Amino acid sequence: MSFISELSQSKEYLSFRSSVPLKVIVVDNNDKKGWKVFDCGPKSIKCPLVCVPPVSGSADIYFKQALSLSAKGIRVISVEAPVYWNVRDWCEGFRKLLDHLGVEKVHIFGASLGGYLAQKFAEYAHLNQRVASLILCNTFNDTSIFNSHESAALYWLLPALVLKRLIIGNFKPNKVDCSIMEAAEFMAEKLESLSQIELASRLTLNCLKGYVEAHKLRDIPVTIIDVFDEYALSGAVREELYKCYPEAKIANMKSGGNFPYLSRCQEVNLYIQIHLRQFDDNDLSPSNMPLLNRC
């Protein structure tokens, strides 16, 4: 049974949906496969911040980042991929999307599966240097943590209800925090809106055998945002990610749950701004606004 979360009825979310148009951009031969895109901020910026969602997310889950950061002159593009069944096809589709948008390089914010795909795209495009930097939130670098390589080939056969149950069990924390619960309910609503084939393809990408060749990303600035309270991935997964990026800046948050970009948006947005400041006054800046005006 579908339901409506409080966050999806908030003035902030409704303002976002009424002011920022949803674009569907087809980049593949199949005209039914379109990327869903929200593009906020100055379109003259050729190195924007692109946000990639987790398994359960749609393009609009980053509305708090889009509204806040674009108000500070930063171009924020939130994307949602069509159905892809392997990581390479996803990366090729993402490259075509950037080409279509006229974007030369990108900073990528990715959470969970979105963070993994962000790393894989940086690896895929390392010779062409399409990725200026990465901001990785509650994510992983090796799919072996899910112990589901064999199951990945069968997700396309499972009913949507079964797929949703596989995901939603990780949503609600044991300790009640209003903002974390609101975020979980909002993401559960978004999960309900996804079709069986969308869920199956995302879970397949999430669990197919794969890992990030981090040595190909050694020249890319990385910030890792992690929470210390309960969330779906274990502490061992977090430590393994740290080992892959020994030069990364670490932004540890006391709490935030699975979706801190919703539940602790001000803190996450601040970390994003701090990360992006290293690119001020050069061609990789995602903003056309002077630093003093963004403080």
Protein backbone atom coordinates (compact mmCIF):
# COMPACT_ATOMS: atom_id res chain seq x y z
CA MET A 1 0.00 0.00 0.00
CA SER A 2 1.42 3.37 -0.99
CA PHE A 3 1.66 6.21 1.49
CA ILE A 4 2.66 9.86 1.56
CA SER A 5 5.50 10.96 3.82
CA GLU A 6 5.61 14.25 5.71
CA LEU A 7 8.80 15.29 3.91
CA SER A 8 7.19 14.99 0.49
CA GLN A 9 4.49 17.40 1.68
CA SER A 10 6.95 19.92 3.13
CA LYS A 11 7.08 23.45 1.75
CA GLU A 12 10.73 22.95 0.79
CA TYR A 13 10.06 19.84 -1.29
CA LEU A 14 6.94 21.28 -2.92
CA SER A 15 8.87 24.46 -3.74
CA PHE A 16 11.59 22.38 -5.37
CA ARG A 17 9.15 20.38 -7.48
CA SER A 18 7.25 23.51 -8.56
CA SER A 19 10.34 25.55 -9.43
CA VAL A 20 12.76 23.01 -10.91
CA PRO A 21 11.53 21.13 -14.00
CA LEU A 22 12.10 17.41 -14.34
CA LYS A 23 13.81 16.62 -17.63
CA VAL A 24 13.86 13.18 -19.25
CA ILE A 25 16.90 12.84 -21.48
CA VAL A 26 17.32 9.87 -23.83
CA VAL A 27 20.94 9.10 -24.69
CA ASP A 28 20.67 5.47 -25.83
CA ASN A 29 19.13 3.91 -28.92
CA ASN A 30 16.08 2.81 -26.92
CA ASP A 31 13.86 5.89 -26.73
CA LYS A 32 12.08 4.41 -23.71
CA LYS A 33 15.28 4.60 -21.65
CA GLY A 34 15.57 8.15 -20.38
CA TRP A 35 17.69 9.69 -17.62
CA LYS A 36 15.63 11.78 -15.20
CA VAL A 37 17.41 15.03 -14.43
CA PHE A 38 16.92 18.05 -12.17
CA ASP A 39 19.35 20.84 -13.11
CA CYS A 40 19.66 23.76 -10.65
CA GLY A 41 21.93 26.76 -10.68
CA PRO A 42 23.82 28.61 -13.44
CA LYS A 43 23.82 26.61 -16.69
CA SER A 44 27.03 28.35 -17.77
CA ILE A 45 28.98 26.22 -15.29
CA LYS A 46 30.75 23.37 -17.15
CA CYS A 47 31.96 21.49 -14.05
CA PRO A 48 28.84 21.07 -11.90
CA LEU A 49 28.11 18.93 -8.87
CA VAL A 50 26.22 15.82 -9.98
CA CYS A 51 24.30 13.80 -7.36
CA VAL A 52 23.73 10.06 -7.88
CA PRO A 53 21.12 8.28 -5.69
CA PRO A 54 21.21 4.95 -3.83
CA VAL A 55 19.18 1.87 -4.83
CA SER A 56 15.92 3.20 -3.42
CA GLY A 57 16.35 6.81 -4.47
CA SER A 58 14.95 8.94 -7.26
CA ALA A 59 16.49 12.10 -8.66
CA ASP A 60 14.50 14.35 -6.33
CA ILE A 61 15.91 12.93 -3.07
CA TYR A 62 18.69 15.53 -3.24
CA PHE A 63 16.26 18.45 -3.24
CA LYS A 64 17.79 19.86 -0.04
CA GLN A 65 21.22 19.99 -1.68
CA ALA A 66 19.84 21.37 -4.94
CA LEU A 67 17.95 24.24 -3.32
CA SER A 68 20.56 25.24 -0.74
CA LEU A 69 23.68 24.95 -2.88
CA SER A 70 22.20 26.46 -6.04
CA ALA A 71 21.19 29.49 -3.94
CA LYS A 72 24.92 29.91 -3.31
CA GLY A 73 25.71 29.90 -7.03
CA ILE A 74 26.61 26.23 -7.33
CA ARG A 75 25.22 24.26 -10.25
CA VAL A 76 23.70 21.04 -8.90
CA ILE A 77 22.45 18.30 -11.21
CA SER A 78 20.58 15.38 -9.65
CA VAL A 79 20.18 12.34 -11.87
CA GLU A 80 18.29 9.06 -11.96
CA ALA A 81 19.40 6.42 -14.44
CA PRO A 82 17.16 4.30 -16.63
CA VAL A 83 17.46 0.52 -16.50
CA TYR A 84 21.00 -0.82 -16.93
CA TRP A 85 22.07 -4.36 -16.12
CA ASN A 86 25.82 -3.90 -15.75
CA VAL A 87 28.14 -1.19 -14.49
CA ARG A 88 29.89 -0.57 -17.81
CA ASP A 89 26.59 0.18 -19.58
CA TRP A 90 25.67 2.53 -16.73
CA CYS A 91 29.00 4.33 -17.09
CA GLU A 92 28.60 4.66 -20.85
CA GLY A 93 25.09 5.99 -20.39
CA PHE A 94 26.30 8.50 -17.80
CA ARG A 95 29.07 9.66 -20.14
CA LYS A 96 26.54 10.19 -22.92
CA LEU A 97 24.36 12.17 -20.52
CA LEU A 98 27.25 14.48 -19.62
CA ASP A 99 28.01 14.92 -23.32
CA HIS A 100 24.36 15.77 -23.98
CA LEU A 101 24.40 18.35 -21.18
CA GLY A 102 27.60 19.89 -22.55
CA VAL A 103 29.41 19.13 -19.31
CA GLU A 104 33.16 18.66 -19.58
CA LYS A 105 33.98 17.51 -16.05
CA VAL A 106 31.97 16.83 -12.92
CA HIS A 107 32.19 16.67 -9.17
CA ILE A 108 30.10 13.69 -8.08
CA PHE A 109 28.22 13.23 -4.81
CA GLY A 110 27.11 9.63 -4.45
CA ALA A 111 25.42 7.74 -1.62
CA SER A 112 25.53 3.94 -1.18
CA LEU A 113 25.09 2.45 -4.71
CA GLY A 114 25.40 5.99 -6.07
CA GLY A 115 28.80 6.32 -4.40
CA TYR A 116 29.96 2.99 -5.82
CA LEU A 117 28.84 3.97 -9.32
CA ALA A 118 30.53 7.35 -8.93
CA GLN A 119 33.81 5.58 -8.21
CA LYS A 120 33.31 3.16 -11.09
CA PHE A 121 32.65 6.05 -13.48
CA ALA A 122 35.80 7.80 -12.30
CA GLU A 123 37.67 4.56 -12.97
CA TYR A 124 35.97 4.14 -16.37
CA ALA A 125 36.76 7.73 -17.40
CA HIS A 126 40.18 8.12 -15.77
CA LEU A 127 42.04 8.42 -19.08
CA ASN A 128 39.71 11.21 -20.21
CA GLN A 129 39.65 12.81 -16.74
CA ARG A 130 35.92 13.46 -16.70
CA VAL A 131 35.71 13.42 -12.88
CA ALA A 132 37.12 16.43 -11.03
CA SER A 133 36.40 15.10 -7.54
CA LEU A 134 34.30 12.68 -5.51
CA ILE A 135 32.17 13.09 -2.39
CA LEU A 136 31.26 9.62 -1.10
CA CYS A 137 28.52 9.19 1.49
CA ASN A 138 27.79 5.93 3.37
CA THR A 139 29.15 3.91 0.49
CA PHE A 140 31.40 0.99 -0.46
CA ASN A 141 34.10 0.07 -2.96
CA ASP A 142 33.61 -3.71 -3.29
CA THR A 143 30.29 -5.52 -3.84
CA SER A 144 31.57 -8.70 -2.16
CA ILE A 145 30.28 -7.25 1.13
CA PHE A 146 26.75 -8.21 0.09
CA ASN A 147 27.54 -11.91 -0.48
CA SER A 148 24.91 -11.88 -3.22
CA HIS A 149 26.83 -12.44 -6.46
CA GLU A 150 24.81 -15.55 -7.35
CA SER A 151 21.49 -13.94 -6.44
CA ALA A 152 22.25 -10.91 -8.64
CA ALA A 153 21.51 -12.94 -11.77
CA LEU A 154 18.01 -13.75 -10.48
CA TYR A 155 16.72 -10.34 -9.36
CA TRP A 156 15.02 -9.74 -12.69
CA LEU A 157 12.75 -12.73 -11.95
CA LEU A 158 11.59 -11.61 -8.51
CA PRO A 159 8.31 -9.71 -7.94
CA ALA A 160 8.54 -6.04 -6.98
CA LEU A 161 7.17 -6.76 -3.49
CA VAL A 162 10.01 -9.18 -2.76
CA LEU A 163 12.62 -6.73 -4.06
CA LYS A 164 11.21 -3.92 -1.92
CA ARG A 165 11.33 -6.12 1.17
CA LEU A 166 14.99 -6.84 0.49
CA ILE A 167 15.69 -3.12 0.67
CA ILE A 168 13.31 -1.66 3.21
CA GLY A 169 14.54 -3.84 6.08
CA ASN A 170 17.58 -1.56 6.35
CA PHE A 171 15.61 1.68 6.48
CA LYS A 172 14.32 2.23 10.01
CA PRO A 173 16.76 2.63 12.90
CA ASN A 174 16.20 1.16 16.35
CA LYS A 175 16.73 4.53 18.02
CA VAL A 176 14.06 7.07 17.23
CA ASP A 177 15.16 10.42 15.86
CA CYS A 178 12.45 12.49 14.19
CA SER A 179 14.57 13.76 11.30
CA ILE A 180 16.08 10.32 10.63
CA MET A 181 12.62 8.73 10.72
CA GLU A 182 11.25 11.39 8.37
CA ALA A 183 14.09 10.70 5.97
CA ALA A 184 13.47 6.95 6.12
CA GLU A 185 9.74 7.41 5.46
CA PHE A 186 10.47 9.72 2.52
CA MET A 187 12.86 7.15 1.02
CA ALA A 188 10.31 4.38 1.60
CA GLU A 189 7.82 6.46 -0.38
CA LYS A 190 10.34 6.83 -3.19
CA LEU A 191 10.99 3.10 -3.09
CA GLU A 192 7.26 2.46 -3.58
CA SER A 193 7.31 4.54 -6.75
CA LEU A 194 9.93 2.36 -8.46
CA SER A 195 8.88 -0.40 -10.85
CA GLN A 196 9.97 -4.04 -10.63
CA ILE A 197 12.44 -3.69 -13.49
CA GLU A 198 13.97 -0.52 -12.02
CA LEU A 199 14.48 -2.17 -8.66
CA ALA A 200 15.80 -5.38 -10.19
CA SER A 201 18.36 -3.53 -12.32
CA ARG A 202 19.58 -1.42 -9.38
CA LEU A 203 19.95 -4.41 -7.08
CA THR A 204 21.80 -6.20 -9.86
CA LEU A 205 24.26 -3.30 -10.19
CA ASN A 206 24.59 -3.28 -6.41
CA CYS A 207 25.41 -6.97 -6.10
CA LEU A 208 27.17 -8.03 -9.32
CA LYS A 209 30.74 -9.02 -8.61
CA GLY A 210 32.90 -5.90 -8.83
CA TYR A 211 35.33 -3.63 -7.05
CA VAL A 212 36.87 -0.22 -7.59
CA GLU A 213 40.42 -0.04 -8.96
CA ALA A 214 41.30 2.77 -6.60
CA HIS A 215 44.81 3.25 -8.00
CA LYS A 216 43.21 4.75 -11.11
CA LEU A 217 41.59 7.41 -8.91
CA ARG A 218 44.70 8.45 -6.98
CA ASP A 219 44.81 11.93 -8.55
CA ILE A 220 41.15 12.69 -7.81
CA PRO A 221 40.35 14.66 -4.62
CA VAL A 222 38.00 12.62 -2.42
CA THR A 223 35.91 13.48 0.63
CA ILE A 224 34.25 10.64 2.53
CA ILE A 225 31.15 11.48 4.58
CA ASP A 226 30.22 8.86 7.17
CA VAL A 227 27.87 8.63 10.13
CA PHE A 228 28.71 6.98 13.43
CA ASP A 229 25.21 5.82 14.29
CA GLU A 230 23.26 2.88 12.88
CA TYR A 231 23.13 2.49 9.10
CA ALA A 232 23.00 -0.33 6.57
CA LEU A 233 26.76 -0.83 6.03
CA SER A 234 29.16 -2.13 8.66
CA GLY A 235 32.15 -0.39 10.20
CA ALA A 236 34.44 -2.85 8.38
CA VAL A 237 33.09 -1.57 5.04
CA ARG A 238 33.85 1.99 6.09
CA GLU A 239 37.40 1.08 7.09
CA GLU A 240 38.00 -0.66 3.77
CA LEU A 241 36.91 2.47 1.90
CA TYR A 242 39.31 4.56 4.00
CA LYS A 243 42.17 2.23 3.03
CA CYS A 244 41.40 2.74 -0.65
CA TYR A 245 41.71 6.52 -0.30
CA PRO A 246 44.44 7.22 2.27
CA GLU A 247 44.64 10.87 1.14
CA ALA A 248 40.89 11.46 1.38
CA LYS A 249 39.38 14.03 3.70
CA ILE A 250 37.12 12.34 6.24
CA ALA A 251 33.93 14.03 7.41
CA ASN A 252 32.55 12.04 10.34
CA MET A 253 29.06 12.84 11.55
CA LYS A 254 27.82 11.83 14.98
CA SER A 255 24.47 10.75 13.56
CA GLY A 256 22.38 10.82 10.41
CA GLY A 257 21.31 7.26 9.65
CA ASN A 258 21.21 5.89 6.12
CA PHE A 259 20.22 9.19 4.51
CA PRO A 260 22.15 12.05 6.17
CA TYR A 261 21.74 14.27 3.09
CA LEU A 262 18.07 14.43 4.17
CA SER A 263 18.23 14.04 7.95
CA ARG A 264 21.32 16.21 8.50
CA CYS A 265 21.22 18.28 5.33
CA GLN A 266 22.82 21.43 6.74
CA GLU A 267 25.83 19.49 7.98
CA VAL A 268 26.19 17.54 4.72
CA ASN A 269 25.79 20.70 2.65
CA LEU A 270 28.53 22.37 4.69
CA TYR A 271 30.90 19.45 4.05
CA ILE A 272 30.08 19.63 0.34
CA GLN A 273 30.89 23.35 0.28
CA ILE A 274 34.16 22.81 2.15
CA HIS A 275 35.12 20.11 -0.34
CA LEU A 276 34.31 22.31 -3.33
CA ARG A 277 36.21 25.36 -2.03
CA GLN A 278 39.51 23.83 -3.13
CA PHE A 279 38.38 24.46 -6.71
CA ASP A 280 37.56 28.15 -6.28
CA ASP A 281 38.95 30.49 -8.91
CA ASN A 282 39.78 27.80 -11.47
CA ASP A 283 38.04 26.00 -14.33
CA LEU A 284 36.86 23.21 -12.02
CA SER A 285 34.72 25.47 -9.84
CA PRO A 286 31.03 24.42 -9.83
CA SER A 287 30.06 27.99 -8.90
CA ASN A 288 30.15 31.40 -10.53
CA MET A 289 29.76 33.22 -7.21
CA PRO A 290 32.72 34.66 -5.27
CA LEU A 291 33.65 32.75 -2.12
CA LEU A 292 32.72 35.57 0.25
CA ASN A 293 29.19 35.58 -1.10
CA ARG A 294 28.79 31.85 -0.43
CA CYS A 295 29.64 31.97 3.24
